[in-house]
Amino acid sequence: DTTVTCSTLPDTVVVVANDACDPNPIEVAVRDSITTGACGGSYTISRIYTAVDVCGNVMDSIQTITVEDTVDPVVDVAPNDTTVVCGQVPAAAVLTATDNCDNNVVVDYQFAEVAGACAGESTITRTWTATDACGNASVQTQVITVIDPIAPLFASFPNDTTVTCSALPDTAIVVANDACDPNPITVAVRDSLTAG
């Protein structure tokens, strides 16, 4: 009797039987009887060897082969950890997996995002988990650090101008936009005077 994995099933052994009344070696027939287990890669094979002599006397001998699935699936390697500018987060990779016992391994994708110090920064953790029918699992992860290194851009700005002291222009309402902040940015204004 033996315990194996589904990818290392033993070959059928050539067995010889002898008989007290038959001088010739007896040909032994072999058949397998399979009992299903708790999952697809786990089952039991009863390998029955049967010898019959010329007078019809029968002898059975049974080898029990316990098949187990203890091997984790092999999942594609996740993309490398990376740092990107907001708005440039790459699409999630599609990973696949193979398994020695399960031809239909499920790869589950999950992601979690943790906010950073400001609205345009965060840390994204992507996780791919491949699980076979017997619950063996392999995990791949990728961490994406999202940063905001880009200054806002003015949507509009008043032109330089020359005026008289009695015709100073009002302070313009200026709007700024930012690649990482979806909301318009409040623009502060201050004056610096140089004497003439």
C-alpha atoms as a PDB file:
ATOM      1  CA  ASP A   1       0.000   0.000   0.000  1.00  0.00           C
ATOM      2  CA  THR A   2       1.181   3.535  -0.672  1.00  0.00           C
ATOM      3  CA  THR A   3       0.241   7.214  -0.430  1.00  0.00           C
ATOM      4  CA  VAL A   4       0.967   9.440  -3.430  1.00  0.00           C
ATOM      5  CA  THR A   5      -0.017  12.729  -5.040  1.00  0.00           C
ATOM      6  CA  CYS A   6      -2.244  12.789  -8.086  1.00  0.00           C
ATOM      7  CA  SER A   7       0.739  13.579 -10.303  1.00  0.00           C
ATOM      8  CA  THR A   8       2.800  10.615  -9.075  1.00  0.00           C
ATOM      9  CA  LEU A   9       0.381   7.721  -9.500  1.00  0.00           C
ATOM     10  CA  PRO A  10       2.302   4.425  -9.569  1.00  0.00           C
ATOM     11  CA  ASP A  11       2.224   2.243 -12.662  1.00  0.00           C
ATOM     12  CA  THR A  12       0.466  -1.083 -12.501  1.00  0.00           C
ATOM     13  CA  VAL A  13       2.969  -3.689 -11.346  1.00  0.00           C
ATOM     14  CA  VAL A  14       3.429  -6.891 -13.330  1.00  0.00           C
ATOM     15  CA  VAL A  15       2.494  -9.596 -10.818  1.00  0.00           C
ATOM     16  CA  VAL A  16       3.093 -13.328 -11.246  1.00  0.00           C
ATOM     17  CA  ALA A  17       1.160 -16.073  -9.479  1.00  0.00           C
ATOM     18  CA  ASN A  18       2.162 -19.697  -8.997  1.00  0.00           C
ATOM     19  CA  ASP A  19      -0.129 -22.645  -8.403  1.00  0.00           C
ATOM     20  CA  ALA A  20       0.513 -25.954  -6.670  1.00  0.00           C
ATOM     21  CA  CYS A  21      -1.275 -27.896  -9.415  1.00  0.00           C
ATOM     22  CA  ASP A  22      -0.377 -25.834 -12.472  1.00  0.00           C
ATOM     23  CA  PRO A  23       3.299 -25.828 -13.462  1.00  0.00           C
ATOM     24  CA  ASN A  24       2.894 -22.720 -15.597  1.00  0.00           C
ATOM     25  CA  PRO A  25       2.959 -19.158 -14.161  1.00  0.00           C
ATOM     26  CA  ILE A  26      -0.561 -17.773 -13.973  1.00  0.00           C
ATOM     27  CA  GLU A  27      -1.449 -14.533 -15.721  1.00  0.00           C
ATOM     28  CA  VAL A  28      -2.758 -12.007 -13.206  1.00  0.00           C
ATOM     29  CA  ALA A  29      -5.579  -9.609 -14.172  1.00  0.00           C
ATOM     30  CA  VAL A  30      -5.648  -6.119 -12.711  1.00  0.00           C
ATOM     31  CA  ARG A  31      -8.526  -3.702 -12.213  1.00  0.00           C
ATOM     32  CA  ASP A  32      -8.873  -0.450 -10.311  1.00  0.00           C
ATOM     33  CA  SER A  33     -11.788   0.542  -8.103  1.00  0.00           C
ATOM     34  CA  ILE A  34     -11.844   4.244  -7.220  1.00  0.00           C
ATOM     35  CA  THR A  35     -13.468   5.746  -4.121  1.00  0.00           C
ATOM     36  CA  THR A  36     -13.909   9.503  -4.277  1.00  0.00           C
ATOM     37  CA  GLY A  37     -12.530  11.651  -1.485  1.00  0.00           C
ATOM     38  CA  ALA A  38     -13.342  15.032   0.009  1.00  0.00           C
ATOM     39  CA  CYS A  39     -12.104  16.945  -3.058  1.00  0.00           C
ATOM     40  CA  GLY A  40     -11.150  16.390  -6.673  1.00  0.00           C
ATOM     41  CA  GLY A  41      -7.488  15.630  -6.066  1.00  0.00           C
ATOM     42  CA  SER A  42      -8.105  13.326  -3.117  1.00  0.00           C
ATOM     43  CA  TYR A  43      -9.355   9.762  -3.591  1.00  0.00           C
ATOM     44  CA  THR A  44      -8.504   6.100  -2.999  1.00  0.00           C
ATOM     45  CA  ILE A  45      -7.639   3.481  -5.606  1.00  0.00           C
ATOM     46  CA  SER A  46      -8.176  -0.163  -4.720  1.00  0.00           C
ATOM     47  CA  ARG A  47      -5.952  -1.962  -7.231  1.00  0.00           C
ATOM     48  CA  ILE A  48      -7.193  -5.535  -7.376  1.00  0.00           C
ATOM     49  CA  TYR A  49      -4.903  -8.269  -8.712  1.00  0.00           C
ATOM     50  CA  THR A  50      -6.778 -11.488  -9.571  1.00  0.00           C
ATOM     51  CA  ALA A  51      -5.173 -14.854 -10.324  1.00  0.00           C
ATOM     52  CA  VAL A  52      -7.267 -17.767 -11.647  1.00  0.00           C
ATOM     53  CA  ASP A  53      -5.838 -21.278 -12.115  1.00  0.00           C
ATOM     54  CA  VAL A  54      -6.908 -23.792 -14.741  1.00  0.00           C
ATOM     55  CA  CYS A  55      -9.513 -25.252 -12.378  1.00  0.00           C
ATOM     56  CA  GLY A  56     -11.142 -21.921 -11.706  1.00  0.00           C
ATOM     57  CA  ASN A  57      -9.727 -21.331  -8.245  1.00  0.00           C
ATOM     58  CA  VAL A  58      -9.409 -17.577  -7.608  1.00  0.00           C
ATOM     59  CA  MET A  59      -7.043 -15.532  -5.476  1.00  0.00           C
ATOM     60  CA  ASP A  60      -7.418 -11.737  -5.100  1.00  0.00           C
ATOM     61  CA  SER A  61      -4.848  -9.394  -3.639  1.00  0.00           C
ATOM     62  CA  ILE A  62      -5.598  -5.700  -3.152  1.00  0.00           C
ATOM     63  CA  GLN A  63      -3.166  -2.804  -3.132  1.00  0.00           C
ATOM     64  CA  THR A  64      -4.589   0.397  -1.578  1.00  0.00           C
ATOM     65  CA  ILE A  65      -3.284   3.614  -3.147  1.00  0.00           C
ATOM     66  CA  THR A  66      -4.228   6.735  -1.207  1.00  0.00           C
ATOM     67  CA  VAL A  67      -4.091   9.793  -3.458  1.00  0.00           C
ATOM     68  CA  GLU A  68      -3.690  13.175  -1.780  1.00  0.00           C
ATOM     69  CA  ASP A  69      -3.535  16.734  -3.096  1.00  0.00           C
ATOM     70  CA  THR A  70      -1.112  18.613  -0.871  1.00  0.00           C
ATOM     71  CA  VAL A  71       0.603  20.679  -3.562  1.00  0.00           C
ATOM     72  CA  ASP A  72      -0.177  24.398  -3.934  1.00  0.00           C
ATOM     73  CA  PRO A  73      -1.119  25.751  -7.368  1.00  0.00           C
ATOM     74  CA  VAL A  74       1.522  27.591  -9.372  1.00  0.00           C
ATOM     75  CA  VAL A  75       0.328  31.136 -10.082  1.00  0.00           C
ATOM     76  CA  ASP A  76       1.832  33.667 -12.489  1.00  0.00           C
ATOM     77  CA  VAL A  77       4.248  36.136 -10.899  1.00  0.00           C
ATOM     78  CA  ALA A  78       2.594  39.462 -10.098  1.00  0.00           C
ATOM     79  CA  PRO A  79       4.024  42.671 -11.586  1.00  0.00           C
ATOM     80  CA  ASN A  80       6.783  44.323  -9.551  1.00  0.00           C
ATOM     81  CA  ASP A  81       5.952  46.846  -6.854  1.00  0.00           C
ATOM     82  CA  THR A  82       5.981  50.329  -8.341  1.00  0.00           C
ATOM     83  CA  THR A  83       5.578  54.048  -7.634  1.00  0.00           C
ATOM     84  CA  VAL A  84       3.381  56.069  -9.984  1.00  0.00           C
ATOM     85  CA  VAL A  85       1.964  59.563 -10.315  1.00  0.00           C
ATOM     86  CA  CYS A  86      -1.739  59.902  -9.563  1.00  0.00           C
ATOM     87  CA  GLY A  87      -3.877  59.281 -12.617  1.00  0.00           C
ATOM     88  CA  GLN A  88      -1.301  56.843 -14.005  1.00  0.00           C
ATOM     89  CA  VAL A  89      -2.166  53.725 -11.987  1.00  0.00           C
ATOM     90  CA  PRO A  90      -1.744  50.742 -14.342  1.00  0.00           C
ATOM     91  CA  ALA A  91      -4.612  48.353 -14.981  1.00  0.00           C
ATOM     92  CA  ALA A  92      -4.558  45.224 -12.859  1.00  0.00           C
ATOM     93  CA  ALA A  93      -2.799  42.267 -14.451  1.00  0.00           C
ATOM     94  CA  VAL A  94      -4.780  39.116 -15.195  1.00  0.00           C
ATOM     95  CA  LEU A  95      -2.942  36.193 -13.598  1.00  0.00           C
ATOM     96  CA  THR A  96      -3.550  32.512 -14.298  1.00  0.00           C
ATOM     97  CA  ALA A  97      -2.548  29.405 -12.386  1.00  0.00           C
ATOM     98  CA  THR A  98      -1.887  25.727 -12.986  1.00  0.00           C
ATOM     99  CA  ASP A  99      -2.166  22.796 -10.617  1.00  0.00           C
ATOM    100  CA  ASN A 100      -0.992  19.205 -10.622  1.00  0.00           C
ATOM    101  CA  CYS A 101      -4.491  17.910  -9.765  1.00  0.00           C
ATOM    102  CA  ASP A 102      -6.984  20.619 -10.723  1.00  0.00           C
ATOM    103  CA  ASN A 103      -7.373  21.778 -14.324  1.00  0.00           C
ATOM    104  CA  ASN A 104      -9.694  24.645 -13.366  1.00  0.00           C
ATOM    105  CA  VAL A 105      -7.891  26.621 -10.700  1.00  0.00           C
ATOM    106  CA  VAL A 106      -9.726  29.780  -9.644  1.00  0.00           C
ATOM    107  CA  VAL A 107      -7.638  32.962  -9.285  1.00  0.00           C
ATOM    108  CA  ASP A 108      -9.355  35.515  -7.051  1.00  0.00           C
ATOM    109  CA  TYR A 109      -8.317  39.179  -7.393  1.00  0.00           C
ATOM    110  CA  GLN A 110      -8.709  41.675  -4.541  1.00  0.00           C
ATOM    111  CA  PHE A 111      -7.352  45.165  -3.934  1.00  0.00           C
ATOM    112  CA  ALA A 112      -7.190  47.522  -0.990  1.00  0.00           C
ATOM    113  CA  GLU A 113      -6.346  51.237  -1.037  1.00  0.00           C
ATOM    114  CA  VAL A 114      -5.078  53.209   1.941  1.00  0.00           C
ATOM    115  CA  ALA A 115      -5.216  57.004   1.746  1.00  0.00           C
ATOM    116  CA  GLY A 116      -1.951  58.914   1.982  1.00  0.00           C
ATOM    117  CA  ALA A 117      -1.038  62.255   3.512  1.00  0.00           C
ATOM    118  CA  CYS A 118      -3.082  64.177   0.921  1.00  0.00           C
ATOM    119  CA  ALA A 119      -5.900  63.531  -1.526  1.00  0.00           C
ATOM    120  CA  GLY A 120      -3.600  62.658  -4.424  1.00  0.00           C
ATOM    121  CA  GLU A 121      -1.522  60.069  -2.580  1.00  0.00           C
ATOM    122  CA  SER A 122      -2.349  56.506  -1.555  1.00  0.00           C
ATOM    123  CA  THR A 123      -1.023  52.972  -1.322  1.00  0.00           C
ATOM    124  CA  ILE A 124      -2.754  50.252  -3.344  1.00  0.00           C
ATOM    125  CA  THR A 125      -2.203  46.584  -2.512  1.00  0.00           C
ATOM    126  CA  ARG A 126      -3.289  44.104  -5.163  1.00  0.00           C
ATOM    127  CA  THR A 127      -3.634  40.447  -4.205  1.00  0.00           C
ATOM    128  CA  TRP A 128      -4.156  37.420  -6.436  1.00  0.00           C
ATOM    129  CA  THR A 129      -5.020  34.114  -4.697  1.00  0.00           C
ATOM    130  CA  ALA A 130      -5.065  30.832  -6.645  1.00  0.00           C
ATOM    131  CA  THR A 131      -6.974  28.045  -4.892  1.00  0.00           C
ATOM    132  CA  ASP A 132      -7.391  24.471  -6.098  1.00  0.00           C
ATOM    133  CA  ALA A 133     -10.324  22.137  -5.422  1.00  0.00           C
ATOM    134  CA  CYS A 134      -8.667  20.795  -2.269  1.00  0.00           C
ATOM    135  CA  GLY A 135      -8.057  24.218  -0.739  1.00  0.00           C
ATOM    136  CA  ASN A 136      -4.336  24.490  -1.461  1.00  0.00           C
ATOM    137  CA  ALA A 137      -3.519  28.123  -2.236  1.00  0.00           C
ATOM    138  CA  SER A 138      -0.780  30.374  -3.600  1.00  0.00           C
ATOM    139  CA  VAL A 139      -0.733  34.168  -3.256  1.00  0.00           C
ATOM    140  CA  GLN A 140       0.897  36.918  -5.297  1.00  0.00           C
ATOM    141  CA  THR A 141       0.856  40.606  -4.325  1.00  0.00           C
ATOM    142  CA  GLN A 142       1.779  43.941  -5.859  1.00  0.00           C
ATOM    143  CA  VAL A 143       2.090  47.224  -3.951  1.00  0.00           C
ATOM    144  CA  ILE A 144       1.542  50.463  -5.892  1.00  0.00           C
ATOM    145  CA  THR A 145       2.547  53.723  -4.216  1.00  0.00           C
ATOM    146  CA  VAL A 146       0.657  56.673  -5.701  1.00  0.00           C
ATOM    147  CA  ILE A 147       2.326  60.087  -5.304  1.00  0.00           C
ATOM    148  CA  ASP A 148       1.460  63.699  -6.201  1.00  0.00           C
ATOM    149  CA  PRO A 149       4.649  65.520  -7.277  1.00  0.00           C
ATOM    150  CA  ILE A 150       2.958  67.836  -9.787  1.00  0.00           C
ATOM    151  CA  ALA A 151       2.115  71.472  -9.015  1.00  0.00           C
ATOM    152  CA  PRO A 152      -1.343  72.849  -9.915  1.00  0.00           C
ATOM    153  CA  LEU A 153      -1.823  74.715 -13.201  1.00  0.00           C
ATOM    154  CA  PHE A 154      -3.696  78.003 -13.530  1.00  0.00           C
ATOM    155  CA  ALA A 155      -6.762  77.615 -15.733  1.00  0.00           C
ATOM    156  CA  SER A 156      -6.603  81.336 -16.542  1.00  0.00           C
ATOM    157  CA  PHE A 157      -4.427  84.256 -15.488  1.00  0.00           C
ATOM    158  CA  PRO A 158      -4.667  88.043 -16.019  1.00  0.00           C
ATOM    159  CA  ASN A 159      -2.212  89.630 -18.429  1.00  0.00           C
ATOM    160  CA  ASP A 160       0.428  92.112 -17.271  1.00  0.00           C
ATOM    161  CA  THR A 161      -0.838  95.680 -17.612  1.00  0.00           C
ATOM    162  CA  THR A 162       0.125  99.361 -17.096  1.00  0.00           C
ATOM    163  CA  VAL A 163      -2.371 101.674 -15.402  1.00  0.00           C
ATOM    164  CA  THR A 164      -2.595 104.986 -13.592  1.00  0.00           C
ATOM    165  CA  CYS A 165      -2.798 105.078  -9.835  1.00  0.00           C
ATOM    166  CA  SER A 166      -6.476 105.907  -9.986  1.00  0.00           C
ATOM    167  CA  ALA A 167      -7.312 102.959 -12.218  1.00  0.00           C
ATOM    168  CA  LEU A 168      -5.863  99.991 -10.361  1.00  0.00           C
ATOM    169  CA  PRO A 169      -7.582  96.798 -11.547  1.00  0.00           C
ATOM    170  CA  ASP A 170      -9.585  94.654  -9.161  1.00  0.00           C
ATOM    171  CA  THR A 171      -8.001  91.403  -8.076  1.00  0.00           C
ATOM    172  CA  ALA A 172      -8.933  88.808 -10.693  1.00  0.00           C
ATOM    173  CA  ILE A 173     -10.695  85.599  -9.726  1.00  0.00           C
ATOM    174  CA  VAL A 174      -8.251  82.931 -10.804  1.00  0.00           C
ATOM    175  CA  VAL A 175      -8.949  79.195 -10.906  1.00  0.00           C
ATOM    176  CA  ALA A 176      -6.321  76.442 -10.777  1.00  0.00           C
ATOM    177  CA  ASN A 177      -6.645  72.780 -11.672  1.00  0.00           C
ATOM    178  CA  ASP A 178      -4.585  69.840 -10.459  1.00  0.00           C
ATOM    179  CA  ALA A 179      -3.870  66.439 -11.973  1.00  0.00           C
ATOM    180  CA  CYS A 180      -4.455  64.697  -8.654  1.00  0.00           C
ATOM    181  CA  ASP A 181      -7.272  66.748  -7.150  1.00  0.00           C
ATOM    182  CA  PRO A 182     -10.649  66.621  -8.927  1.00  0.00           C
ATOM    183  CA  ASN A 183     -11.857  69.770  -7.168  1.00  0.00           C
ATOM    184  CA  PRO A 184     -10.930  73.320  -8.288  1.00  0.00           C
ATOM    185  CA  ILE A 185      -8.130  74.684  -6.125  1.00  0.00           C
ATOM    186  CA  THR A 186      -8.528  77.846  -4.116  1.00  0.00           C
ATOM    187  CA  VAL A 187      -6.007  80.449  -5.295  1.00  0.00           C
ATOM    188  CA  ALA A 188      -4.519  82.769  -2.665  1.00  0.00           C
ATOM    189  CA  VAL A 189      -3.491  86.297  -3.696  1.00  0.00           C
ATOM    190  CA  ARG A 190      -0.942  88.715  -2.206  1.00  0.00           C
ATOM    191  CA  ASP A 191       0.547  91.970  -3.448  1.00  0.00           C
ATOM    192  CA  SER A 192       4.228  92.922  -3.360  1.00  0.00           C
ATOM    193  CA  LEU A 193       5.001  96.620  -3.961  1.00  0.00           C
ATOM    194  CA  THR A 194       8.216  97.995  -5.393  1.00  0.00           C
ATOM    195  CA  ALA A 195       8.623 101.731  -4.901  1.00  0.00           C
ATOM    196  CA  GLY A 196       9.111 103.861  -8.015  1.00  0.00           C
END
